[in-house]
Amino acid sequence: MSRSLYADLAGGDTRVHEHLSDEAFLRGILRFEAALAEAAGSLGVVSAESARHAVEVIAGFELDCAEVSTAAAAGANPAIPLAKELKAAAGAESAGIHTGATSQDAIDSSLMLALSAASSRLCEDLLHPTLELLRALAEEHRETPMMGRTLGQQATPTTFGLCAALWWQQLHAAEAEIAALRFPVQYAGATGTLAAVYPHGIELHAELARRLGLASSPLVWHTDRSAILRIGAAYAQVAGAVAKIATDIIRLCATEVAELSEPSPGGSSAMPHKANPAASVAARGYALRAPGLLSTLALTLGGAHQRAEGEWHAEWQTLRELAACTASALARCHAALDGLVVHAEQMATNRRTSPAGEQSTGHAADIVTVILGENS
């Protein structure tokens, strides 16, 4: 999630990444602890004074990411040293710090805060604008004929508008999956029984969820990682839709086809005559990382008993990296589409020289209308 040469050269950094950094992750833990103190104080689980003191301590805490990272090695997670430091800072009045929680509660809730914010930003900054570009292309070129291609060979005619409408359809379906995601709070205590805050545990769980803006269901999911997999799958679906668009653009930009060209093509260090579809290439590169990251998340479903032995730990970076590379892929896809040059004359030329070029485009234009109309 930190800046890298590839990310900078490809323009892959987006505002989504702000929510996925290590610092944001650790600050999410602090946000969890503050909300927990407030919730516990409001319900009388701890005294109002203990809650106020805890919130003040957390607000004044100076986060040192490198220090926390080093200290995290001993307990295999960063919430342990953070809670320890907060309790030490609170002194004798530390009852409002980490009340009834286990470290997984803090980490899982922080991860959900990060992905919730990242998902909102992904939709607002990237998905919606990209879908608008695709809709405009589909509408403008609903009757622009071109050769369809199957298995790499010219087949029968279609329209570029239908190609763009199908890109839109796939990305729109992925957007719906992101929009439907729920990001649950985690607060269940050591073995998922809320025993440390009995008999107030269920009520405290609901109040904590409300204060953090997270879902209150499922109530306990320490080793039920279904929510994590659903989030990862939604991001991977977006990445897959981007990979489809980028692959088609790259193929249609090929010298021998020349039906599209990117608005700001890249060059070659050895071949100055080339105008590479660099944005689409970068988008595809980012998107192709998603399936491998998703497969790692699928493996985390098999955690043992009440605390996974490594599966849980594997999620923290993997899920954030999946969201980050998906955002980068979408950002470069938007760059490729924004001002994409459609060479209708070359499409017509390629159609004329094809043995099947004189065949009808059939209901292609009508299908565009149906696709865009059904989902408007």
Protein backbone atom coordinates (compact mmCIF):
# COMPACT_ATOMS: atom_id res chain seq x y z
CA MET A 1 0.00 0.00 0.00
CA SER A 2 3.00 2.30 0.32
CA ARG A 3 4.11 4.19 -2.76
CA SER A 4 6.15 2.12 -5.14
CA LEU A 5 7.92 2.70 -8.43
CA TYR A 6 5.34 0.67 -10.36
CA ALA A 7 2.42 2.41 -8.68
CA ASP A 8 3.85 5.85 -9.38
CA LEU A 9 4.81 5.15 -12.99
CA ALA A 10 1.43 3.62 -13.71
CA GLY A 11 -0.49 6.33 -11.90
CA GLY A 12 -1.90 3.61 -9.69
CA ASP A 13 -2.21 5.63 -6.51
CA THR A 14 -5.79 6.65 -5.75
CA ARG A 15 -7.63 8.07 -2.75
CA VAL A 16 -8.77 4.52 -2.02
CA HIS A 17 -5.21 3.74 -0.95
CA GLU A 18 -5.36 6.30 1.86
CA HIS A 19 -7.66 3.95 3.76
CA LEU A 20 -5.48 0.88 3.20
CA SER A 21 -2.11 1.97 4.56
CA ASP A 22 -0.52 0.47 7.66
CA GLU A 23 -0.99 3.77 9.47
CA ALA A 24 -4.70 3.81 8.62
CA PHE A 25 -4.95 0.20 9.82
CA LEU A 26 -3.36 1.05 13.18
CA ARG A 27 -5.44 4.19 13.56
CA GLY A 28 -8.49 2.02 12.98
CA ILE A 29 -7.50 0.01 16.05
CA LEU A 30 -7.32 3.23 18.06
CA ARG A 31 -10.72 4.25 16.71
CA PHE A 32 -12.11 0.88 17.84
CA GLU A 33 -10.66 1.34 21.33
CA ALA A 34 -12.10 4.86 21.66
CA ALA A 35 -15.55 3.77 20.47
CA LEU A 36 -15.46 0.79 22.83
CA ALA A 37 -14.64 3.04 25.78
CA GLU A 38 -17.49 5.40 24.88
CA ALA A 39 -19.93 2.53 24.42
CA ALA A 40 -18.91 0.86 27.69
CA GLY A 41 -19.25 4.15 29.54
CA SER A 42 -22.66 4.89 28.06
CA LEU A 43 -24.01 1.53 29.24
CA GLY A 44 -22.40 1.63 32.67
CA VAL A 45 -20.07 -1.28 31.96
CA VAL A 46 -17.29 1.04 33.14
CA SER A 47 -17.68 4.30 35.00
CA ALA A 48 -18.24 7.49 33.04
CA GLU A 49 -14.96 8.82 34.42
CA SER A 50 -13.03 5.73 33.27
CA ALA A 51 -14.56 6.04 29.82
CA ARG A 52 -13.72 9.75 29.55
CA HIS A 53 -10.18 9.14 30.71
CA ALA A 54 -9.74 6.31 28.19
CA VAL A 55 -10.98 8.47 25.32
CA GLU A 56 -8.61 11.28 26.33
CA VAL A 57 -5.66 8.89 26.53
CA ILE A 58 -6.44 7.43 23.11
CA ALA A 59 -6.92 10.88 21.55
CA GLY A 60 -3.54 12.01 22.87
CA PHE A 61 -1.68 8.83 21.93
CA GLU A 62 1.26 9.43 19.59
CA LEU A 63 1.26 6.56 17.12
CA ASP A 64 4.66 5.31 15.98
CA CYS A 65 3.99 2.76 13.24
CA ALA A 66 7.56 1.45 13.17
CA GLU A 67 7.59 0.98 16.93
CA VAL A 68 4.26 -0.86 16.91
CA SER A 69 5.42 -3.03 14.02
CA THR A 70 8.52 -4.08 15.93
CA ALA A 71 6.58 -4.76 19.11
CA ALA A 72 3.91 -6.72 17.22
CA ALA A 73 6.33 -9.53 16.45
CA ALA A 74 6.23 -10.86 20.02
CA GLY A 75 2.48 -11.52 20.03
CA ALA A 76 2.04 -11.91 16.26
CA ASN A 77 -0.34 -8.97 16.03
CA PRO A 78 -0.23 -5.18 16.49
CA ALA A 79 -3.27 -4.83 18.76
CA ILE A 80 -1.47 -6.42 21.72
CA PRO A 81 1.30 -3.80 22.05
CA LEU A 82 -1.15 -0.98 21.29
CA ALA A 83 -3.51 -2.06 24.06
CA LYS A 84 -0.56 -2.47 26.42
CA GLU A 85 0.71 1.04 25.67
CA LEU A 86 -2.73 2.55 26.08
CA LYS A 87 -3.26 0.85 29.43
CA ALA A 88 0.15 2.06 30.59
CA ALA A 89 -0.69 5.59 29.51
CA ALA A 90 -4.02 5.42 31.36
CA GLY A 91 -2.27 4.44 34.58
CA ALA A 92 -4.39 3.36 37.53
CA GLU A 93 -7.61 4.36 35.76
CA SER A 94 -7.33 1.92 32.82
CA ALA A 95 -10.67 0.12 33.16
CA GLY A 96 -11.98 1.90 30.08
CA ILE A 97 -9.21 0.60 27.83
CA HIS A 98 -9.85 -2.57 25.77
CA THR A 99 -12.88 -3.45 27.91
CA GLY A 100 -13.86 -7.09 27.42
CA ALA A 101 -12.06 -7.23 24.08
CA THR A 102 -9.50 -9.55 22.56
CA SER A 103 -6.90 -8.40 20.07
CA GLN A 104 -8.79 -9.99 17.19
CA ASP A 105 -11.79 -7.81 17.98
CA ALA A 106 -9.70 -4.69 17.50
CA ILE A 107 -7.93 -5.89 14.36
CA ASP A 108 -10.99 -7.27 12.58
CA SER A 109 -12.99 -4.14 13.34
CA SER A 110 -10.15 -1.95 12.08
CA LEU A 111 -9.98 -3.98 8.88
CA MET A 112 -13.72 -3.54 8.37
CA LEU A 113 -13.44 0.20 8.95
CA ALA A 114 -10.70 0.36 6.32
CA LEU A 115 -12.59 -1.68 3.74
CA SER A 116 -15.84 0.17 4.35
CA ALA A 117 -14.17 3.53 3.70
CA ALA A 118 -12.18 2.17 0.75
CA SER A 119 -15.31 0.70 -0.83
CA SER A 120 -17.20 3.98 -0.59
CA ARG A 121 -14.28 5.79 -2.17
CA LEU A 122 -13.93 3.12 -4.87
CA CYS A 123 -17.56 3.61 -5.89
CA GLU A 124 -17.52 7.39 -5.76
CA ASP A 125 -14.12 8.10 -7.33
CA LEU A 126 -13.68 5.24 -9.76
CA LEU A 127 -16.61 2.92 -10.40
CA HIS A 128 -19.26 5.55 -11.06
CA PRO A 129 -17.09 7.71 -13.38
CA THR A 130 -15.86 4.65 -15.30
CA LEU A 131 -19.40 3.37 -15.77
CA GLU A 132 -20.42 6.78 -17.09
CA LEU A 133 -17.62 6.66 -19.68
CA LEU A 134 -18.67 3.17 -20.76
CA ARG A 135 -22.32 4.16 -21.04
CA ALA A 136 -21.39 7.16 -23.20
CA LEU A 137 -19.28 4.96 -25.50
CA ALA A 138 -22.07 2.42 -25.81
CA GLU A 139 -24.68 5.04 -26.63
CA GLU A 140 -22.49 6.92 -29.11
CA HIS A 141 -21.43 3.79 -30.99
CA ARG A 142 -24.51 1.58 -30.66
CA GLU A 143 -24.69 1.43 -34.49
CA THR A 144 -20.96 1.67 -35.31
CA PRO A 145 -20.27 -1.63 -37.09
CA MET A 146 -17.14 -3.67 -36.52
CA MET A 147 -16.10 -7.27 -36.85
CA GLY A 148 -16.76 -9.51 -33.90
CA ARG A 149 -13.94 -11.85 -33.01
CA THR A 150 -14.08 -15.34 -31.52
CA LEU A 151 -11.00 -17.33 -30.54
CA GLY A 152 -8.84 -14.56 -31.99
CA GLN A 153 -10.39 -14.75 -35.45
CA GLN A 154 -12.81 -12.47 -37.27
CA ALA A 155 -16.32 -13.92 -36.94
CA THR A 156 -19.43 -11.94 -37.90
CA PRO A 157 -20.24 -8.24 -37.51
CA THR A 158 -21.29 -6.60 -34.26
CA THR A 159 -21.15 -2.97 -33.16
CA PHE A 160 -18.61 -1.24 -30.99
CA GLY A 161 -21.51 0.07 -28.96
CA LEU A 162 -22.45 -3.48 -28.03
CA CYS A 163 -18.87 -4.23 -27.03
CA ALA A 164 -18.87 -1.18 -24.75
CA ALA A 165 -22.33 -2.03 -23.39
CA LEU A 166 -21.12 -5.50 -22.43
CA TRP A 167 -18.10 -3.97 -20.70
CA TRP A 168 -20.53 -1.70 -18.86
CA GLN A 169 -22.78 -4.63 -17.95
CA GLN A 170 -19.94 -6.61 -16.41
CA LEU A 171 -18.55 -3.68 -14.43
CA HIS A 172 -22.04 -2.63 -13.34
CA ALA A 173 -22.65 -6.11 -11.93
CA ALA A 174 -19.37 -5.88 -10.03
CA GLU A 175 -20.33 -2.47 -8.68
CA ALA A 176 -23.56 -3.96 -7.34
CA GLU A 177 -21.54 -6.54 -5.41
CA ILE A 178 -19.41 -3.81 -3.82
CA ALA A 179 -22.51 -1.76 -2.96
CA ALA A 180 -24.16 -4.77 -1.29
CA LEU A 181 -21.24 -5.50 1.03
CA ARG A 182 -21.73 -5.44 4.80
CA PHE A 183 -18.83 -4.68 7.09
CA PRO A 184 -19.43 -6.25 10.52
CA VAL A 185 -17.96 -5.15 13.82
CA GLN A 186 -16.00 -7.78 15.72
CA TYR A 187 -16.49 -7.78 19.48
CA ALA A 188 -16.81 -11.12 21.19
CA GLY A 189 -13.97 -11.43 23.69
CA ALA A 190 -11.43 -14.15 24.29
CA THR A 191 -13.33 -17.19 22.99
CA GLY A 192 -16.36 -15.52 21.45
CA THR A 193 -18.65 -15.61 24.50
CA LEU A 194 -18.49 -11.97 25.70
CA ALA A 195 -17.98 -13.44 29.18
CA ALA A 196 -15.85 -10.52 30.39
CA VAL A 197 -18.76 -8.09 29.98
CA TYR A 198 -21.65 -10.41 30.93
CA PRO A 199 -24.56 -9.62 31.21
CA HIS A 200 -24.10 -6.49 29.08
CA GLY A 201 -22.19 -8.09 26.21
CA ILE A 202 -24.85 -8.25 23.50
CA GLU A 203 -26.03 -4.72 24.21
CA LEU A 204 -22.45 -3.44 24.25
CA HIS A 205 -21.76 -5.19 20.94
CA ALA A 206 -24.70 -3.41 19.31
CA GLU A 207 -23.73 -0.03 20.73
CA LEU A 208 -20.13 -0.43 19.55
CA ALA A 209 -21.32 -1.33 16.05
CA ARG A 210 -23.55 1.76 16.01
CA ARG A 211 -20.75 4.07 17.07
CA LEU A 212 -18.36 2.69 14.46
CA GLY A 213 -20.94 2.62 11.68
CA LEU A 214 -20.43 -1.11 11.17
CA ALA A 215 -22.94 -3.95 10.90
CA SER A 216 -23.88 -5.77 14.11
CA SER A 217 -24.33 -9.14 12.40
CA PRO A 218 -22.86 -11.70 12.56
CA LEU A 219 -22.49 -11.44 16.31
CA VAL A 220 -19.35 -13.60 16.46
CA TRP A 221 -17.08 -14.41 13.50
CA HIS A 222 -13.60 -15.04 14.91
CA THR A 223 -13.20 -18.18 12.81
CA ASP A 224 -16.13 -17.72 10.45
CA ARG A 225 -14.42 -15.69 7.75
CA SER A 226 -17.31 -15.63 5.30
CA ALA A 227 -17.51 -11.83 5.46
CA ILE A 228 -13.84 -11.52 4.52
CA LEU A 229 -14.23 -13.83 1.55
CA ARG A 230 -17.34 -11.99 0.33
CA ILE A 231 -15.50 -8.68 0.42
CA GLY A 232 -12.50 -10.15 -1.37
CA ALA A 233 -14.70 -11.78 -4.01
CA ALA A 234 -16.48 -8.49 -4.72
CA TYR A 235 -13.17 -6.74 -5.29
CA ALA A 236 -11.91 -9.59 -7.44
CA GLN A 237 -15.08 -9.31 -9.54
CA VAL A 238 -14.31 -5.64 -10.17
CA ALA A 239 -10.74 -6.55 -11.09
CA GLY A 240 -12.00 -9.23 -13.47
CA ALA A 241 -14.30 -6.76 -15.21
CA VAL A 242 -11.37 -4.37 -15.61
CA ALA A 243 -9.18 -7.16 -16.99
CA LYS A 244 -11.83 -7.89 -19.64
CA ILE A 245 -12.04 -4.25 -20.73
CA ALA A 246 -8.27 -3.79 -20.75
CA THR A 247 -7.66 -6.99 -22.71
CA ASP A 248 -10.14 -6.00 -25.41
CA ILE A 249 -8.70 -2.51 -25.71
CA ILE A 250 -5.16 -3.87 -26.02
CA ARG A 251 -6.23 -6.28 -28.78
CA LEU A 252 -8.16 -3.59 -30.66
CA CYS A 253 -5.17 -1.23 -30.44
CA ALA A 254 -2.87 -3.76 -32.14
CA THR A 255 -1.20 -2.43 -35.29
CA GLU A 256 -2.89 -5.06 -37.47
CA VAL A 257 -6.33 -4.13 -36.10
CA ALA A 258 -5.98 -0.39 -35.34
CA GLU A 259 -9.62 0.09 -34.39
CA LEU A 260 -8.89 1.85 -31.09
CA SER A 261 -6.12 3.95 -29.63
CA GLU A 262 -5.62 5.33 -26.17
CA PRO A 263 -5.76 9.10 -25.63
CA SER A 264 -2.22 9.24 -24.20
CA PRO A 265 -0.33 6.25 -25.57
CA GLY A 266 2.94 5.15 -24.07
CA GLY A 267 6.18 4.82 -25.98
CA SER A 268 9.00 2.31 -26.17
CA SER A 269 12.60 2.80 -25.11
CA ALA A 270 13.85 0.76 -28.07
CA MET A 271 11.13 1.35 -30.68
CA PRO A 272 10.11 5.02 -30.88
CA HIS A 273 7.50 4.30 -33.56
CA LYS A 274 5.30 2.42 -31.10
CA ALA A 275 2.22 3.89 -29.39
CA ASN A 276 1.52 1.37 -26.67
CA PRO A 277 -1.86 1.15 -24.89
CA ALA A 278 0.00 1.74 -21.64
CA ALA A 279 -2.99 2.52 -19.41
CA SER A 280 -4.76 -0.69 -20.41
CA VAL A 281 -1.57 -2.70 -19.96
CA ALA A 282 -1.13 -1.29 -16.44
CA ALA A 283 -4.81 -1.89 -15.64
CA ARG A 284 -4.51 -5.50 -16.73
CA GLY A 285 -1.31 -5.93 -14.75
CA TYR A 286 -2.95 -4.76 -11.55
CA ALA A 287 -6.11 -6.79 -12.20
CA LEU A 288 -4.26 -10.04 -12.79
CA ARG A 289 -2.98 -9.97 -9.21
CA ALA A 290 -6.51 -10.25 -7.81
CA PRO A 291 -7.21 -13.99 -8.33
CA GLY A 292 -4.11 -15.06 -6.42
CA LEU A 293 -4.93 -12.76 -3.52
CA LEU A 294 -8.52 -14.04 -3.48
CA SER A 295 -7.31 -17.63 -3.33
CA THR A 296 -5.33 -16.80 -0.19
CA LEU A 297 -8.49 -15.40 1.41
CA ALA A 298 -10.37 -18.58 0.52
CA LEU A 299 -7.80 -20.58 2.47
CA THR A 300 -8.54 -18.58 5.62
CA LEU A 301 -11.96 -20.22 6.03
CA GLY A 302 -10.37 -23.25 7.65
CA GLY A 303 -9.22 -21.69 10.92
CA ALA A 304 -9.20 -24.01 13.93
CA HIS A 305 -11.41 -23.78 17.03
CA GLN A 306 -11.91 -20.23 18.35
CA ARG A 307 -8.75 -18.62 16.94
CA ALA A 308 -7.07 -19.35 13.63
CA GLU A 309 -3.43 -20.36 13.63
CA GLY A 310 -2.12 -18.18 10.83
CA GLU A 311 -5.16 -18.01 8.55
CA TRP A 312 -6.42 -14.90 10.30
CA HIS A 313 -2.99 -13.28 10.16
CA ALA A 314 -2.77 -13.94 6.42
CA GLU A 315 -5.82 -11.75 5.80
CA TRP A 316 -4.56 -8.41 7.05
CA GLN A 317 -2.22 -7.59 4.19
CA THR A 318 -3.93 -9.77 1.59
CA LEU A 319 -7.35 -8.13 1.76
CA ARG A 320 -5.92 -4.62 1.78
CA GLU A 321 -3.61 -5.46 -1.12
CA LEU A 322 -6.53 -6.91 -3.09
CA ALA A 323 -8.51 -3.71 -2.57
CA ALA A 324 -5.49 -1.59 -3.47
CA CYS A 325 -4.61 -3.39 -6.70
CA THR A 326 -8.28 -3.37 -7.74
CA ALA A 327 -8.44 0.38 -7.21
CA SER A 328 -5.24 0.84 -9.20
CA ALA A 329 -6.57 -1.33 -12.01
CA LEU A 330 -9.78 0.67 -12.14
CA ALA A 331 -7.90 3.98 -12.09
CA ARG A 332 -5.85 2.98 -15.12
CA CYS A 333 -8.93 1.60 -16.86
CA HIS A 334 -10.61 4.97 -16.43
CA ALA A 335 -7.52 6.65 -17.89
CA ALA A 336 -7.69 4.38 -20.94
CA LEU A 337 -11.39 5.07 -21.50
CA ASP A 338 -11.34 8.81 -20.88
CA GLY A 339 -10.85 10.07 -24.41
CA LEU A 340 -10.50 6.63 -26.01
CA VAL A 341 -10.18 7.14 -29.77
CA VAL A 342 -12.56 4.98 -31.80
CA HIS A 343 -11.40 4.57 -35.40
CA ALA A 344 -14.76 3.86 -37.05
CA GLU A 345 -13.21 4.10 -40.52
CA GLN A 346 -10.74 1.34 -39.72
CA MET A 347 -13.55 -0.76 -38.29
CA ALA A 348 -15.37 -0.35 -41.59
CA THR A 349 -12.22 -1.22 -43.56
CA ASN A 350 -11.64 -4.37 -41.54
CA ARG A 351 -15.27 -5.32 -42.07
CA ARG A 352 -15.05 -4.83 -45.84
CA THR A 353 -12.01 -7.09 -46.10
CA SER A 354 -13.56 -9.88 -44.03
CA PRO A 355 -15.30 -12.81 -45.77
CA ALA A 356 -18.25 -12.39 -43.39
CA GLY A 357 -18.14 -8.61 -43.31
CA GLU A 358 -21.31 -8.05 -45.29
CA GLN A 359 -23.45 -9.95 -42.83
CA SER A 360 -25.90 -8.02 -40.67
CA THR A 361 -25.17 -6.73 -37.17
CA GLY A 362 -28.56 -8.15 -36.24
CA HIS A 363 -30.07 -6.83 -33.03
CA ALA A 364 -26.76 -5.39 -31.78
CA ALA A 365 -28.10 -1.84 -31.46
CA ASP A 366 -31.31 -3.09 -29.84
CA ILE A 367 -29.34 -5.15 -27.33
CA VAL A 368 -27.42 -2.03 -26.31
CA THR A 369 -30.72 -0.31 -25.60
CA VAL A 370 -31.92 -3.25 -23.52
CA ILE A 371 -28.67 -3.55 -21.54
CA LEU A 372 -28.50 0.13 -20.68
CA GLY A 373 -32.25 0.46 -20.17
CA GLU A 374 -32.58 -2.50 -17.83
CA ASN A 375 -29.90 -1.11 -15.53
CA SER A 376 -30.58 2.62 -15.72
